[in-house]
Protein backbone atom coordinates (compact mmCIF):
# COMPACT_ATOMS: atom_id res chain seq x y z
CA MET A 1 -59.97 79.98 18.77
CA GLY A 2 -56.46 80.17 17.94
CA ALA A 3 -55.06 77.81 15.93
CA THR A 4 -53.71 74.55 17.56
CA GLY A 5 -50.06 74.60 16.39
CA SER A 6 -47.55 71.51 16.86
CA VAL A 7 -45.40 71.42 19.75
CA LYS A 8 -41.85 69.84 18.51
CA LYS A 9 -40.22 68.09 21.19
CA PRO A 10 -36.72 69.13 21.92
CA ARG A 11 -34.10 65.97 20.93
CA ASP A 12 -32.59 63.96 24.03
CA SER A 13 -29.23 65.00 23.04
CA SER A 14 -27.70 62.80 25.96
CA ASN A 15 -26.90 60.21 23.89
CA ARG A 16 -24.88 61.92 21.43
CA PRO A 17 -21.44 61.65 22.50
CA ASP A 18 -21.70 58.20 23.00
CA GLN A 19 -23.54 57.79 19.23
CA GLU A 20 -20.78 59.60 18.18
CA GLY A 21 -18.00 57.89 19.78
CA VAL A 22 -19.54 54.42 18.22
CA MET A 23 -19.45 55.74 14.89
CA GLU A 24 -16.05 57.05 15.25
CA GLY A 25 -14.77 53.53 16.60
CA THR A 26 -16.82 51.77 13.72
CA HIS A 27 -15.14 54.76 11.15
CA ALA A 28 -11.64 53.51 12.63
CA THR A 29 -12.10 49.84 12.69
CA THR A 30 -13.33 50.18 8.82
CA GLY A 31 -10.68 52.43 7.65
CA PRO A 32 -8.93 51.69 4.73
CA ASN A 33 -5.84 50.29 6.48
CA ASN A 34 -7.71 48.24 8.51
CA THR A 35 -10.05 47.03 6.34
CA GLU A 36 -7.34 45.37 4.28
CA GLU A 37 -5.45 43.67 7.01
CA PHE A 38 -8.76 42.34 8.00
CA LYS A 39 -8.90 40.38 4.55
CA VAL A 40 -5.44 39.47 4.93
CA GLN A 41 -6.51 37.63 8.37
CA MET A 42 -9.31 35.97 6.76
CA ALA A 43 -7.63 35.08 3.64
CA LYS A 44 -5.04 33.20 5.96
CA HIS A 45 -7.78 31.53 7.97
CA ASN A 46 -9.25 29.93 4.75
CA ASN A 47 -6.40 28.77 3.56
CA HIS A 48 -5.88 26.62 6.95
CA ALA A 49 -6.68 23.10 6.93
CA PRO A 50 -9.31 22.05 8.42
CA LEU A 51 -9.44 20.67 12.26
CA ARG A 52 -8.61 16.61 12.60
CA PRO A 53 -9.36 14.53 15.95
CA PRO A 54 -6.48 14.45 18.30
CA SER A 55 -5.85 10.49 17.53
CA GLU A 56 -5.17 11.23 13.95
CA ARG A 57 -2.55 13.96 14.82
CA SER A 58 -0.94 11.48 17.17
CA ALA A 59 -0.65 8.58 14.53
CA ASP A 60 0.47 11.43 12.11
CA ARG A 61 3.48 12.57 14.26
CA ALA A 62 4.02 8.33 15.13
CA SER A 63 4.44 7.74 11.40
CA LYS A 64 7.04 10.64 10.81
CA ARG A 65 9.08 9.55 13.72
CA LEU A 66 9.08 6.29 12.29
CA SER A 67 10.03 7.56 8.75
CA GLN A 68 12.95 9.91 10.36
CA ASP A 69 14.15 6.90 11.70
CA SER A 70 14.20 4.79 8.74
CA ASN A 71 16.03 7.74 6.77
CA GLY A 72 18.60 8.78 9.20
CA LEU A 73 17.29 11.80 10.78
CA SER A 74 16.59 12.87 14.00
CA GLU A 75 14.98 15.90 15.47
CA GLY A 76 17.23 18.38 17.46
CA GLY A 77 16.39 19.81 20.88
CA ALA A 78 14.80 23.26 21.13
CA SER A 79 15.58 24.78 17.83
CA GLY A 80 13.62 21.61 16.34
CA SER A 81 16.14 20.89 13.55
CA ARG A 82 16.54 18.00 11.80
CA THR A 83 20.48 16.72 11.94
CA PRO A 84 21.37 13.80 9.48
CA VAL A 85 22.09 10.37 11.44
CA GLU A 86 24.78 7.89 9.53
CA VAL A 87 23.00 4.73 9.03
CA THR A 88 25.60 1.59 8.18
CA ALA A 89 25.27 -1.10 5.88
CA LEU A 90 25.18 -3.16 9.06
CA GLU A 91 22.72 -1.16 10.98
CA GLU A 92 20.23 -1.13 7.65
CA ALA A 93 20.60 -5.07 7.50
CA PHE A 94 19.64 -5.06 11.51
CA ARG A 95 16.54 -3.31 10.93
CA ARG A 96 15.19 -5.16 7.71
CA PHE A 97 15.82 -8.56 9.86
CA ALA A 98 14.39 -6.80 13.06
CA ILE A 99 10.97 -6.26 11.08
CA HIS A 100 10.92 -9.11 8.89
CA GLY A 101 7.44 -11.20 9.65
CA ASP A 102 6.26 -8.50 12.05
CA THR A 103 4.19 -5.89 11.07
CA ARG A 104 4.29 -3.73 14.59
CA ALA A 105 8.19 -4.00 14.71
CA THR A 106 10.03 -0.48 14.91
CA GLY A 107 12.99 -2.23 13.97
CA LYS A 108 15.18 -1.02 16.76
CA GLU A 109 14.78 -4.47 18.32
CA MET A 110 15.32 -8.02 17.16
CA HIS A 111 14.02 -11.52 18.39
CA GLY A 112 15.44 -14.94 18.60
CA LYS A 113 13.62 -15.93 15.61
CA ASN A 114 15.05 -13.22 13.15
CA TRP A 115 18.27 -13.33 14.52
CA SER A 116 18.40 -17.18 13.57
CA LYS A 117 17.15 -16.19 10.33
CA LEU A 118 19.64 -13.89 10.12
CA CYS A 119 22.36 -15.74 10.84
CA LYS A 120 21.11 -18.51 8.34
CA ASP A 121 20.53 -16.21 5.26
CA CYS A 122 23.95 -14.27 5.56
CA ASN A 123 25.97 -17.48 5.89
CA VAL A 124 27.32 -16.91 9.80
CA ILE A 125 26.30 -20.52 10.02
CA ASP A 126 28.52 -22.59 8.72
CA GLY A 127 27.79 -25.86 10.17
CA LYS A 128 31.05 -26.39 11.16
CA ASN A 129 32.40 -23.98 13.20
CA VAL A 130 29.29 -22.10 13.92
CA THR A 131 26.19 -23.82 14.19
CA LEU A 132 22.30 -23.41 15.42
CA THR A 133 23.07 -24.11 18.94
CA ASP A 134 26.06 -21.38 18.99
CA VAL A 135 23.80 -18.85 17.56
CA ASP A 136 21.06 -19.51 20.40
CA ILE A 137 23.57 -19.91 23.15
CA VAL A 138 25.30 -15.89 22.10
CA PHE A 139 21.75 -14.70 21.80
CA SER A 140 20.91 -15.56 25.24
CA LYS A 141 24.41 -14.37 26.51
CA VAL A 142 23.92 -10.89 25.08
CA LYS A 143 20.37 -10.31 25.96
CA LYS A 144 19.40 -8.62 29.03
CA LYS A 145 17.76 -11.61 31.53
CA SER A 146 14.07 -9.96 31.60
CA SER A 147 14.19 -9.27 27.79
CA ARG A 148 13.45 -11.18 25.15
CA THR A 149 14.91 -8.81 22.17
CA ILE A 150 18.32 -8.01 21.49
CA THR A 151 19.53 -4.23 20.64
CA TYR A 152 21.99 -2.82 17.94
CA ASN A 153 24.59 -2.80 20.13
CA GLU A 154 23.57 -6.12 21.53
CA PHE A 155 23.67 -7.18 18.12
CA LYS A 156 27.13 -6.49 17.24
CA ASP A 157 28.49 -8.03 20.44
CA ALA A 158 26.80 -11.30 19.48
CA LEU A 159 28.32 -11.04 16.41
CA THR A 160 31.55 -10.33 17.46
CA GLU A 161 31.05 -13.25 20.14
CA LEU A 162 30.25 -15.60 16.91
CA SER A 163 33.31 -14.27 14.70
CA ARG A 164 35.95 -15.69 16.87
CA LYS A 165 34.43 -19.56 16.39
CA ARG A 166 33.72 -18.40 12.94
CA PHE A 167 37.13 -17.62 11.45
CA LYS A 168 39.47 -18.95 14.32
CA GLU A 169 42.95 -18.23 12.29
CA LYS A 170 42.16 -14.16 12.31
CA ASN A 171 42.38 -12.24 15.59
CA ASN A 172 39.21 -10.43 16.84
CA GLU A 173 39.03 -7.38 15.24
CA GLU A 174 39.73 -8.91 11.84
CA ALA A 175 37.20 -11.91 12.04
CA ALA A 176 34.58 -9.03 13.44
CA GLU A 177 34.92 -7.66 10.11
CA GLU A 178 34.45 -10.62 7.90
CA VAL A 179 31.49 -11.18 10.18
CA PHE A 180 30.18 -7.79 9.43
CA LYS A 181 30.88 -7.75 5.68
CA LEU A 182 28.93 -11.02 5.24
CA ILE A 183 25.89 -9.37 6.75
CA GLU A 184 25.98 -5.73 5.48
CA GLY A 185 23.53 -4.52 2.88
CA LYS A 186 21.99 -8.16 3.00
CA SER A 187 17.80 -8.74 3.09
CA PRO A 188 15.87 -11.52 4.60
CA ILE A 189 15.34 -14.12 1.74
CA ILE A 190 11.51 -15.18 1.12
CA ALA A 191 11.04 -18.50 0.47
CA GLY A 192 8.89 -19.67 -2.50
CA VAL A 193 5.73 -21.22 -2.38
CA THR A 194 6.07 -24.85 -1.07
CA ARG A 195 5.32 -27.62 -3.71
CA ALA A 196 3.10 -30.81 -3.02
CA VAL A 197 5.58 -34.00 -2.65
CA ALA A 198 3.95 -36.81 -5.44
CA SER A 199 4.27 -39.74 -3.23
CA PRO A 200 3.09 -43.14 -4.08
CA THR A 201 0.07 -43.27 -1.32
CA VAL A 202 -1.47 -40.29 -2.61
CA SER A 203 -1.18 -41.27 -6.32
CA ARG A 204 -2.56 -44.31 -5.50
CA LEU A 205 -5.35 -42.98 -3.98
CA THR A 206 -6.15 -40.38 -7.09
CA ASP A 207 -5.61 -42.79 -9.96
CA THR A 208 -9.12 -43.87 -11.58
CA THR A 209 -7.64 -46.87 -13.18
CA LYS A 210 -7.33 -48.39 -9.63
CA PHE A 211 -11.01 -47.65 -8.33
CA THR A 212 -13.13 -51.12 -7.83
CA GLY A 213 -16.70 -51.32 -7.02
CA SER A 214 -19.10 -48.19 -6.85
CA HIS A 215 -16.32 -45.66 -7.13
CA LYS A 216 -15.30 -47.22 -10.53
CA GLU A 217 -18.50 -46.55 -12.05
CA ARG A 218 -18.61 -42.88 -11.64
CA PHE A 219 -15.62 -42.26 -13.91
CA ASP A 220 -15.51 -43.28 -17.99
CA GLU A 221 -12.11 -44.80 -19.48
CA MET A 222 -10.57 -41.29 -19.25
CA GLY A 223 -10.84 -40.80 -16.26
CA ARG A 224 -13.65 -37.76 -16.52
CA GLY A 225 -16.55 -38.17 -13.73
CA LYS A 226 -19.95 -39.32 -15.80
CA GLY A 227 -21.65 -36.89 -13.11
CA LYS A 228 -25.24 -38.09 -12.31
CA ALA A 229 -25.10 -41.39 -14.78
CA GLY A 230 -21.89 -42.62 -12.28
CA ARG A 231 -24.18 -41.74 -8.99
CA VAL A 232 -27.71 -43.04 -9.77
CA ASP A 233 -28.63 -46.46 -10.76
CA ILE A 234 -30.71 -46.12 -14.20
CA PRO A 235 -32.94 -49.19 -14.39
CA ASP A 236 -32.79 -50.87 -17.70
CA THR A 237 -35.95 -50.92 -19.38
CA ARG A 238 -34.69 -52.79 -22.56
CA GLY A 239 -36.55 -55.99 -21.60
CA TYR A 240 -33.14 -57.81 -21.95
CA VAL A 241 -31.74 -59.90 -18.59
CA SER A 242 -28.91 -58.42 -17.20
CA GLY A 243 -25.36 -59.64 -18.53
CA TYR A 244 -26.82 -60.66 -22.07
CA LYS A 245 -24.73 -59.86 -24.71
CA HIS A 246 -26.52 -60.08 -28.05
CA ALA A 247 -28.69 -56.99 -26.98
CA GLY A 248 -30.17 -55.87 -30.42
CA SER A 249 -28.70 -59.05 -32.97
CA TYR A 250 -32.27 -59.85 -33.41
CA GLU A 251 -33.28 -56.81 -35.53
CA LYS A 252 -29.98 -56.97 -37.71
CA LYS A 253 -30.90 -60.52 -38.43
CA THR A 254 -34.94 -60.15 -39.42
CA GLY A 255 -34.66 -56.52 -40.60
CA PRO A 256 -36.56 -53.98 -38.55
CA ARG A 257 -40.12 -54.74 -37.99
CA GLY A 258 -43.06 -52.38 -38.87
CA LYS A 259 -45.04 -50.56 -36.21
CA PRO A 260 -48.36 -52.22 -35.09
CA GLU A 261 -51.45 -50.16 -36.52
């Protein structure tokens, strides 16, 4: 019998070019230069802040816009540059009074209540030439018919209208400047805590010396409450009749008696 030799099956070399192409592509992807670029991109990705919900991003944009308005900055057109806007002392006072007492106010419009407060706090109302009625009439005159607030430009028109009555001895321009000076740089005046007024009625109701009947028994001579003793009728078990004034006098005269055995 002849020796049985193992027959080697020839390799299929049909896929070799593709494999070589894949190896070449892998080598090209993981080459020295591309590896460094890949590390740089990964580092940039890791440094990015985590994504937030759209509601938080819109809230941040709104707060940024309000802060820019308050700081006197406005965004440019296509370039997105920030252009400084001059905010006068009069406009700053307008914003302070416009947001007073209203957490949702933007400071761009003022309603009638704060308008009246501004005229009072800044002494535009003198009680003689300009009264609270004049202030309300001018507010209704300058505002739009369908609106309940006034803008900054309407605010200036209202002050100009009042200045003619406030400073009658001066011309229109000088009178307006004088009224503007009364308001520039001012802020709303916040009144202190209201103090309780001591009235005779309240004093009579809280004076324990004037209490009668069962209410009188609830307090001692100093006006302090007796607690349970003033609320509960504790029976007297000493053996004396009610109203007897010489309780214990017999023991004082005869001396203490011995205890019975």
